[in-house]
């Protein structure tokens, strides 16, 4: 992550900021002007706030979803959007991606770390299909099957 996040500068939106684990990586980079951290899960927001307060960064916590944040984040105002293992759990992948593309400046970057579904007709795919209901309920809405963030992204 440290190498990947070395590409981060300017205005940043992090989707699914969770407990704030990535803020420590961002603190090493003084060329970040602002972070808008989207985290709808109330059980994670206190830890996120504590991590933000420990950093020297200007962090605004948005207690909404990536799909609902379209009214909060100004279009074409963001240099970098970061998503780490989050697009698998948004309610509407297409809406979240549309918002990301709207927020990004023309020269903006989307940096993401996501898992992708196993290939169909494999044992891994069968296992993911069987685990899906339990995994989705316990994993914050994470979809192991039926959603491929990489395929859904615009070229």
N, C-alpha and C. Protein backbone atom coordinates (compact mmCIF):
# COMPACT_ATOMS: atom_id res chain seq x y z
N UNK A 1 0.82 -1.20 0.00
CA UNK A 1 0.00 0.00 0.00
C UNK A 1 0.86 1.26 0.00
N UNK A 2 1.95 1.20 0.74
CA UNK A 2 2.78 2.40 0.83
C UNK A 2 3.27 2.85 -0.55
N UNK A 3 3.69 1.92 -1.38
CA UNK A 3 4.14 2.25 -2.72
C UNK A 3 2.98 2.74 -3.58
N UNK A 4 1.85 2.06 -3.51
CA UNK A 4 0.69 2.43 -4.30
C UNK A 4 0.17 3.81 -3.89
N UNK A 5 0.11 4.05 -2.59
CA UNK A 5 -0.40 5.34 -2.12
C UNK A 5 0.61 6.47 -2.29
N UNK A 6 1.82 6.13 -2.72
CA UNK A 6 2.79 7.16 -3.06
C UNK A 6 2.35 7.99 -4.25
N UNK A 7 1.37 7.49 -5.00
CA UNK A 7 0.82 8.22 -6.14
C UNK A 7 -0.21 9.26 -5.73
N UNK A 8 -0.54 9.31 -4.45
CA UNK A 8 -1.63 10.14 -3.95
C UNK A 8 -1.15 11.56 -3.67
N UNK A 9 -1.88 12.53 -4.20
CA UNK A 9 -1.61 13.94 -3.90
C UNK A 9 -2.88 14.74 -4.16
N UNK A 10 -2.90 15.92 -3.59
CA UNK A 10 -4.04 16.81 -3.80
C UNK A 10 -5.24 16.44 -2.96
N UNK A 11 -6.40 16.59 -3.54
CA UNK A 11 -7.67 16.30 -2.89
C UNK A 11 -8.01 14.82 -3.07
N UNK A 12 -8.33 14.13 -1.96
CA UNK A 12 -8.53 12.69 -1.96
C UNK A 12 -9.90 12.35 -1.40
N UNK A 13 -10.56 11.40 -2.03
CA UNK A 13 -11.77 10.78 -1.47
C UNK A 13 -11.45 9.32 -1.24
N UNK A 14 -11.68 8.85 -0.03
CA UNK A 14 -11.53 7.43 0.24
C UNK A 14 -12.92 6.84 0.48
N UNK A 15 -13.26 5.85 -0.32
CA UNK A 15 -14.56 5.18 -0.18
C UNK A 15 -14.39 4.01 0.77
N UNK A 16 -15.26 3.96 1.77
CA UNK A 16 -15.17 2.87 2.75
C UNK A 16 -13.91 2.98 3.57
N UNK A 17 -13.74 4.10 4.25
CA UNK A 17 -12.52 4.36 5.01
C UNK A 17 -12.37 3.44 6.22
N UNK A 18 -13.45 2.76 6.59
CA UNK A 18 -13.38 1.77 7.67
C UNK A 18 -12.92 2.36 8.99
N UNK A 19 -11.96 1.65 9.62
CA UNK A 19 -11.43 2.08 10.92
C UNK A 19 -10.33 3.13 10.77
N UNK A 20 -10.02 3.54 9.54
CA UNK A 20 -9.01 4.56 9.32
C UNK A 20 -7.61 4.01 9.12
N UNK A 21 -7.51 2.74 8.79
CA UNK A 21 -6.20 2.10 8.62
C UNK A 21 -5.34 2.79 7.56
N UNK A 22 -5.93 3.31 6.51
CA UNK A 22 -5.14 3.92 5.43
C UNK A 22 -4.61 5.30 5.79
N UNK A 23 -5.18 5.94 6.79
CA UNK A 23 -4.74 7.29 7.14
C UNK A 23 -3.27 7.31 7.52
N UNK A 24 -2.81 6.26 8.17
CA UNK A 24 -1.40 6.17 8.52
C UNK A 24 -0.50 6.19 7.29
N UNK A 25 -0.94 5.57 6.21
CA UNK A 25 -0.18 5.60 4.97
C UNK A 25 -0.18 7.01 4.37
N UNK A 26 -1.32 7.68 4.43
CA UNK A 26 -1.43 9.01 3.85
C UNK A 26 -0.60 10.03 4.62
N UNK A 27 -0.43 9.82 5.92
CA UNK A 27 0.29 10.79 6.75
C UNK A 27 1.72 10.99 6.30
N UNK A 28 2.29 10.00 5.62
CA UNK A 28 3.66 10.12 5.13
C UNK A 28 3.78 11.08 3.95
N UNK A 29 2.68 11.44 3.35
CA UNK A 29 2.71 12.26 2.14
C UNK A 29 2.15 13.65 2.44
N UNK A 30 3.01 14.63 2.40
CA UNK A 30 2.63 16.00 2.77
C UNK A 30 1.95 16.74 1.62
N UNK A 31 1.84 16.09 0.46
CA UNK A 31 1.24 16.77 -0.69
C UNK A 31 -0.25 16.46 -0.82
N UNK A 32 -0.86 15.97 0.24
CA UNK A 32 -2.31 15.75 0.27
C UNK A 32 -2.95 16.97 0.92
N UNK A 33 -3.84 17.64 0.19
CA UNK A 33 -4.46 18.85 0.71
C UNK A 33 -5.68 18.56 1.58
N UNK A 34 -6.41 17.50 1.25
CA UNK A 34 -7.64 17.20 1.99
C UNK A 34 -8.05 15.78 1.69
N UNK A 35 -8.61 15.12 2.70
CA UNK A 35 -9.19 13.79 2.51
C UNK A 35 -10.65 13.84 2.93
N UNK A 36 -11.51 13.37 2.05
CA UNK A 36 -12.91 13.16 2.40
C UNK A 36 -13.08 11.65 2.53
N UNK A 37 -13.29 11.20 3.76
CA UNK A 37 -13.36 9.78 4.06
C UNK A 37 -14.83 9.36 4.18
N UNK A 38 -15.29 8.55 3.25
CA UNK A 38 -16.67 8.08 3.25
C UNK A 38 -16.74 6.79 4.05
N UNK A 39 -17.56 6.78 5.10
CA UNK A 39 -17.75 5.56 5.90
C UNK A 39 -19.16 5.55 6.48
N UNK A 40 -20.05 4.73 5.90
CA UNK A 40 -21.42 4.68 6.38
C UNK A 40 -21.63 3.83 7.64
N UNK A 41 -20.68 2.96 7.97
CA UNK A 41 -20.87 2.05 9.10
C UNK A 41 -20.59 2.77 10.42
N UNK A 42 -21.62 2.97 11.25
CA UNK A 42 -21.43 3.71 12.51
C UNK A 42 -20.47 3.02 13.48
N UNK A 43 -20.30 1.72 13.35
CA UNK A 43 -19.41 0.98 14.24
C UNK A 43 -17.93 1.23 13.93
N UNK A 44 -17.65 1.81 12.78
CA UNK A 44 -16.27 2.10 12.39
C UNK A 44 -15.92 3.57 12.53
N UNK A 45 -16.91 4.42 12.64
CA UNK A 45 -16.68 5.86 12.56
C UNK A 45 -15.88 6.43 13.73
N UNK A 46 -16.03 5.90 14.93
CA UNK A 46 -15.27 6.41 16.07
C UNK A 46 -13.78 6.15 15.89
N UNK A 47 -13.43 4.93 15.50
CA UNK A 47 -12.01 4.62 15.25
C UNK A 47 -11.46 5.45 14.10
N UNK A 48 -12.27 5.65 13.07
CA UNK A 48 -11.88 6.48 11.94
C UNK A 48 -11.58 7.89 12.42
N UNK A 49 -12.44 8.45 13.24
CA UNK A 49 -12.25 9.80 13.78
C UNK A 49 -10.96 9.87 14.59
N UNK A 50 -10.70 8.84 15.42
CA UNK A 50 -9.49 8.83 16.24
C UNK A 50 -8.23 8.80 15.38
N UNK A 51 -8.24 7.99 14.32
CA UNK A 51 -7.09 7.93 13.41
C UNK A 51 -6.91 9.27 12.69
N UNK A 52 -8.00 9.86 12.28
CA UNK A 52 -7.93 11.17 11.61
C UNK A 52 -7.37 12.23 12.55
N UNK A 53 -7.78 12.21 13.80
CA UNK A 53 -7.31 13.19 14.78
C UNK A 53 -5.82 13.02 15.09
N UNK A 54 -5.31 11.81 15.00
CA UNK A 54 -3.89 11.55 15.27
C UNK A 54 -2.99 12.02 14.13
N UNK A 55 -3.56 12.19 12.94
CA UNK A 55 -2.76 12.57 11.77
C UNK A 55 -2.67 14.09 11.67
N UNK A 56 -1.76 14.54 10.83
CA UNK A 56 -1.63 15.97 10.55
C UNK A 56 -2.47 16.39 9.35
N UNK A 57 -3.26 15.46 8.84
CA UNK A 57 -4.03 15.70 7.63
C UNK A 57 -5.39 16.32 7.93
N UNK A 58 -5.88 17.05 6.94
CA UNK A 58 -7.24 17.60 7.04
C UNK A 58 -8.19 16.50 6.54
N UNK A 59 -8.93 15.89 7.46
CA UNK A 59 -9.82 14.77 7.12
C UNK A 59 -11.26 15.16 7.46
N UNK A 60 -12.11 15.07 6.47
CA UNK A 60 -13.55 15.27 6.66
C UNK A 60 -14.21 13.90 6.55
N UNK A 61 -14.92 13.50 7.59
CA UNK A 61 -15.58 12.19 7.59
C UNK A 61 -17.02 12.37 7.12
N UNK A 62 -17.37 11.64 6.06
CA UNK A 62 -18.73 11.68 5.51
C UNK A 62 -19.42 10.38 5.92
N UNK A 63 -20.45 10.50 6.72
CA UNK A 63 -21.15 9.32 7.24
C UNK A 63 -22.29 8.93 6.31
N UNK A 64 -21.91 8.64 5.10
CA UNK A 64 -22.88 8.29 4.06
C UNK A 64 -22.27 7.20 3.19
N UNK A 65 -22.96 6.81 2.15
CA UNK A 65 -22.44 5.80 1.23
C UNK A 65 -21.86 6.48 0.00
N UNK A 66 -21.11 5.72 -0.77
CA UNK A 66 -20.56 6.25 -2.02
C UNK A 66 -21.68 6.63 -2.98
N UNK A 67 -22.78 5.90 -2.90
CA UNK A 67 -23.91 6.20 -3.79
C UNK A 67 -24.61 7.48 -3.38
N UNK A 68 -24.66 7.77 -2.07
CA UNK A 68 -25.39 8.94 -1.58
C UNK A 68 -24.52 10.19 -1.49
N UNK A 69 -23.22 10.05 -1.60
CA UNK A 69 -22.31 11.18 -1.42
C UNK A 69 -22.23 12.11 -2.63
N UNK A 70 -22.99 11.81 -3.67
CA UNK A 70 -22.91 12.64 -4.89
C UNK A 70 -23.27 14.09 -4.63
N UNK A 71 -24.11 14.36 -3.65
CA UNK A 71 -24.49 15.75 -3.36
C UNK A 71 -23.48 16.46 -2.48
N UNK A 72 -22.59 15.70 -1.84
CA UNK A 72 -21.63 16.26 -0.89
C UNK A 72 -20.31 16.63 -1.54
N UNK A 73 -19.89 15.85 -2.52
CA UNK A 73 -18.59 16.05 -3.15
C UNK A 73 -18.79 16.77 -4.49
N UNK A 74 -18.07 17.84 -4.66
CA UNK A 74 -18.22 18.67 -5.86
C UNK A 74 -17.69 17.92 -7.08
N UNK A 75 -18.46 17.89 -8.16
CA UNK A 75 -17.99 17.24 -9.39
C UNK A 75 -16.68 17.84 -9.90
N UNK A 76 -15.84 17.00 -10.47
CA UNK A 76 -14.56 17.39 -11.07
C UNK A 76 -13.65 18.15 -10.10
N UNK A 77 -13.70 17.77 -8.80
CA UNK A 77 -12.91 18.47 -7.80
C UNK A 77 -11.88 17.59 -7.10
N UNK A 78 -11.83 16.32 -7.46
CA UNK A 78 -11.01 15.35 -6.71
C UNK A 78 -9.85 14.87 -7.57
N UNK A 79 -8.66 14.86 -6.97
CA UNK A 79 -7.47 14.38 -7.68
C UNK A 79 -7.37 12.86 -7.64
N UNK A 80 -7.72 12.25 -6.51
CA UNK A 80 -7.58 10.81 -6.35
C UNK A 80 -8.76 10.26 -5.55
N UNK A 81 -9.33 9.16 -6.04
CA UNK A 81 -10.31 8.38 -5.28
C UNK A 81 -9.65 7.05 -4.96
N UNK A 82 -9.76 6.66 -3.70
CA UNK A 82 -9.17 5.40 -3.24
C UNK A 82 -10.28 4.50 -2.75
N UNK A 83 -10.20 3.25 -3.16
CA UNK A 83 -11.14 2.23 -2.70
C UNK A 83 -10.35 0.95 -2.42
N UNK A 84 -10.34 0.54 -1.18
CA UNK A 84 -9.65 -0.71 -0.84
C UNK A 84 -10.67 -1.70 -0.28
N UNK A 85 -10.92 -2.72 -1.07
CA UNK A 85 -11.86 -3.79 -0.71
C UNK A 85 -13.21 -3.22 -0.29
N UNK A 86 -13.72 -2.32 -1.13
CA UNK A 86 -14.98 -1.65 -0.82
C UNK A 86 -16.02 -1.80 -1.92
N UNK A 87 -15.60 -1.78 -3.18
CA UNK A 87 -16.57 -1.82 -4.27
C UNK A 87 -17.37 -3.12 -4.29
N UNK A 88 -16.87 -4.14 -3.62
CA UNK A 88 -17.62 -5.40 -3.52
C UNK A 88 -18.83 -5.27 -2.61
N UNK A 89 -18.88 -4.20 -1.81
CA UNK A 89 -19.95 -4.11 -0.82
C UNK A 89 -20.87 -2.91 -0.99
N UNK A 90 -20.62 -2.06 -1.98
CA UNK A 90 -21.55 -0.94 -2.19
C UNK A 90 -22.89 -1.50 -2.67
N UNK A 91 -23.96 -0.77 -2.38
CA UNK A 91 -25.29 -1.24 -2.78
C UNK A 91 -25.44 -1.28 -4.29
N UNK A 92 -24.97 -0.23 -4.95
CA UNK A 92 -25.07 -0.16 -6.41
C UNK A 92 -23.70 0.17 -6.97
N UNK A 93 -23.05 -0.82 -7.53
CA UNK A 93 -21.71 -0.64 -8.10
C UNK A 93 -21.73 0.41 -9.21
N UNK A 94 -22.72 0.35 -10.08
CA UNK A 94 -22.78 1.30 -11.19
C UNK A 94 -22.93 2.74 -10.70
N UNK A 95 -23.78 2.96 -9.70
CA UNK A 95 -23.97 4.31 -9.16
C UNK A 95 -22.70 4.80 -8.48
N UNK A 96 -22.06 3.93 -7.70
CA UNK A 96 -20.82 4.32 -7.03
C UNK A 96 -19.75 4.69 -8.05
N UNK A 97 -19.60 3.89 -9.08
CA UNK A 97 -18.60 4.19 -10.12
C UNK A 97 -18.95 5.48 -10.87
N UNK A 98 -20.21 5.68 -11.18
CA UNK A 98 -20.63 6.93 -11.84
C UNK A 98 -20.24 8.13 -10.98
N UNK A 99 -20.47 8.04 -9.66
CA UNK A 99 -20.10 9.13 -8.76
C UNK A 99 -18.59 9.36 -8.76
N UNK A 100 -17.83 8.27 -8.71
CA UNK A 100 -16.37 8.39 -8.72
C UNK A 100 -15.92 9.14 -9.97
N UNK A 101 -16.43 8.75 -11.13
CA UNK A 101 -16.04 9.40 -12.38
C UNK A 101 -16.47 10.87 -12.40
N UNK A 102 -17.62 11.17 -11.79
CA UNK A 102 -18.07 12.55 -11.72
C UNK A 102 -17.17 13.39 -10.80
N UNK A 103 -16.74 12.81 -9.68
CA UNK A 103 -15.92 13.56 -8.72
C UNK A 103 -14.53 13.84 -9.23
N UNK A 104 -13.97 12.92 -10.01
CA UNK A 104 -12.58 13.04 -10.45
C UNK A 104 -12.39 14.19 -11.44
N UNK A 105 -11.28 14.90 -11.26
CA UNK A 105 -10.86 15.88 -12.26
C UNK A 105 -10.49 15.11 -13.52
N UNK A 106 -10.44 15.78 -14.68
CA UNK A 106 -10.06 15.06 -15.91
C UNK A 106 -8.73 14.31 -15.79
N UNK A 107 -7.80 14.83 -15.00
CA UNK A 107 -6.51 14.16 -14.81
C UNK A 107 -6.49 13.28 -13.55
N UNK A 108 -7.66 13.09 -12.94
CA UNK A 108 -7.74 12.36 -11.67
C UNK A 108 -7.46 10.87 -11.82
N UNK A 109 -7.19 10.24 -10.66
CA UNK A 109 -6.86 8.81 -10.63
C UNK A 109 -7.81 8.08 -9.69
N UNK A 110 -8.16 6.87 -10.08
CA UNK A 110 -8.85 5.94 -9.19
C UNK A 110 -7.84 4.88 -8.82
N UNK A 111 -7.53 4.79 -7.54
CA UNK A 111 -6.62 3.76 -7.04
C UNK A 111 -7.47 2.77 -6.24
N UNK A 112 -7.40 1.50 -6.64
CA UNK A 112 -8.24 0.53 -5.96
C UNK A 112 -7.51 -0.78 -5.74
N UNK A 113 -7.90 -1.43 -4.66
CA UNK A 113 -7.49 -2.80 -4.35
C UNK A 113 -8.79 -3.54 -4.12
N UNK A 114 -9.10 -4.47 -4.97
CA UNK A 114 -10.36 -5.20 -4.87
C UNK A 114 -10.13 -6.68 -5.16
N UNK A 115 -10.98 -7.50 -4.59
CA UNK A 115 -10.96 -8.91 -5.00
C UNK A 115 -11.91 -9.05 -6.18
N UNK A 116 -11.65 -10.04 -7.00
CA UNK A 116 -12.52 -10.29 -8.14
C UNK A 116 -13.10 -11.69 -7.99
N UNK A 117 -14.23 -11.95 -8.63
CA UNK A 117 -14.86 -13.26 -8.47
C UNK A 117 -14.02 -14.38 -9.11
N UNK A 118 -14.17 -15.56 -8.54
CA UNK A 118 -13.52 -16.74 -9.12
C UNK A 118 -14.15 -17.03 -10.49
N UNK A 119 -13.38 -17.69 -11.33
CA UNK A 119 -13.89 -18.04 -12.66
C UNK A 119 -15.06 -19.01 -12.53
N UNK A 120 -16.11 -18.81 -13.33
CA UNK A 120 -17.26 -19.73 -13.29
C UNK A 120 -16.83 -21.17 -13.58
N UNK A 121 -17.60 -22.08 -13.05
CA UNK A 121 -17.40 -23.52 -13.26
C UNK A 121 -16.09 -24.03 -12.64
N UNK A 122 -15.66 -23.36 -11.55
CA UNK A 122 -14.50 -23.84 -10.80
C UNK A 122 -14.94 -24.15 -9.38
N UNK A 123 -14.10 -24.91 -8.67
CA UNK A 123 -14.41 -25.23 -7.27
C UNK A 123 -14.47 -23.96 -6.43
N UNK A 124 -13.58 -23.03 -6.72
CA UNK A 124 -13.58 -21.77 -5.97
C UNK A 124 -14.89 -21.01 -6.17
N UNK A 125 -15.39 -20.99 -7.40
CA UNK A 125 -16.65 -20.32 -7.67
C UNK A 125 -17.80 -20.99 -6.93
N UNK A 126 -17.80 -22.32 -6.93
CA UNK A 126 -18.84 -23.06 -6.20
C UNK A 126 -18.76 -22.74 -4.71
N UNK A 127 -17.56 -22.74 -4.16
CA UNK A 127 -17.40 -22.42 -2.73
C UNK A 127 -17.88 -21.00 -2.43
N UNK A 128 -17.53 -20.05 -3.28
CA UNK A 128 -17.97 -18.66 -3.09
C UNK A 128 -19.49 -18.56 -3.18
N UNK A 129 -20.08 -19.28 -4.10
CA UNK A 129 -21.54 -19.26 -4.25
C UNK A 129 -22.22 -19.79 -3.00
N UNK A 130 -21.69 -20.86 -2.44
CA UNK A 130 -22.26 -21.44 -1.23
C UNK A 130 -22.06 -20.54 -0.01
N UNK A 131 -20.93 -19.88 0.05
CA UNK A 131 -20.62 -19.00 1.18
C UNK A 131 -21.30 -17.63 1.09
N UNK A 132 -21.73 -17.25 -0.11
CA UNK A 132 -22.23 -15.90 -0.37
C UNK A 132 -23.24 -15.38 0.66
N UNK A 133 -24.33 -16.08 0.98
CA UNK A 133 -25.31 -15.50 1.91
C UNK A 133 -24.70 -15.20 3.28
N UNK A 134 -23.93 -16.12 3.80
CA UNK A 134 -23.29 -15.93 5.10
C UNK A 134 -22.25 -14.81 5.03
N UNK A 135 -21.41 -14.87 4.01
CA UNK A 135 -20.34 -13.90 3.84
C UNK A 135 -20.89 -12.47 3.71
N UNK A 136 -21.92 -12.32 2.92
CA UNK A 136 -22.51 -11.01 2.68
C UNK A 136 -23.09 -10.44 3.98
N UNK A 137 -23.74 -11.30 4.76
CA UNK A 137 -24.35 -10.85 6.02
C UNK A 137 -23.29 -10.47 7.06
N UNK A 138 -22.22 -11.22 7.11
CA UNK A 138 -21.18 -10.99 8.12
C UNK A 138 -20.06 -10.08 7.64
N UNK A 139 -19.93 -9.93 6.36
CA UNK A 139 -18.82 -9.16 5.79
C UNK A 139 -19.19 -7.79 5.30
N UNK A 140 -20.18 -7.17 5.91
CA UNK A 140 -20.52 -5.81 5.55
C UNK A 140 -21.10 -5.66 4.16
N UNK A 141 -21.74 -6.71 3.65
CA UNK A 141 -22.36 -6.64 2.33
C UNK A 141 -21.44 -7.05 1.19
N UNK A 142 -20.27 -7.58 1.52
CA UNK A 142 -19.31 -8.00 0.50
C UNK A 142 -19.89 -9.12 -0.35
N UNK A 143 -19.80 -8.95 -1.65
CA UNK A 143 -20.28 -9.95 -2.61
C UNK A 143 -19.10 -10.74 -3.17
N UNK A 144 -19.10 -12.03 -2.91
CA UNK A 144 -18.04 -12.89 -3.46
C UNK A 144 -18.32 -13.25 -4.91
N UNK A 145 -19.59 -13.32 -5.27
CA UNK A 145 -19.99 -13.67 -6.63
C UNK A 145 -20.98 -12.65 -7.15
N UNK A 146 -21.12 -12.62 -8.48
CA UNK A 146 -22.14 -11.77 -9.09
C UNK A 146 -21.75 -10.31 -9.22
N UNK A 147 -20.50 -9.98 -8.90
CA UNK A 147 -20.08 -8.59 -9.01
C UNK A 147 -18.60 -8.56 -9.34
N UNK A 148 -18.27 -7.90 -10.42
CA UNK A 148 -16.88 -7.79 -10.83
C UNK A 148 -16.57 -6.31 -11.06
N UNK A 149 -15.97 -5.69 -10.05
CA UNK A 149 -15.70 -4.26 -10.11
C UNK A 149 -14.80 -3.90 -11.29
N UNK A 150 -13.83 -4.74 -11.56
CA UNK A 150 -12.90 -4.47 -12.65
C UNK A 150 -13.64 -4.42 -13.99
N UNK A 151 -14.55 -5.36 -14.22
CA UNK A 151 -15.32 -5.39 -15.46
C UNK A 151 -16.26 -4.20 -15.57
N UNK A 152 -16.74 -3.70 -14.42
CA UNK A 152 -17.71 -2.61 -14.44
C UNK A 152 -17.08 -1.26 -14.68
N UNK A 153 -15.77 -1.16 -14.54
CA UNK A 153 -15.09 0.14 -14.69
C UNK A 153 -15.01 0.54 -16.16
N UNK A 154 -15.05 1.84 -16.38
CA UNK A 154 -14.92 2.39 -17.71
C UNK A 154 -13.47 2.29 -18.16
N UNK A 155 -13.25 2.08 -19.46
CA UNK A 155 -11.86 2.07 -19.94
C UNK A 155 -11.22 3.43 -19.88
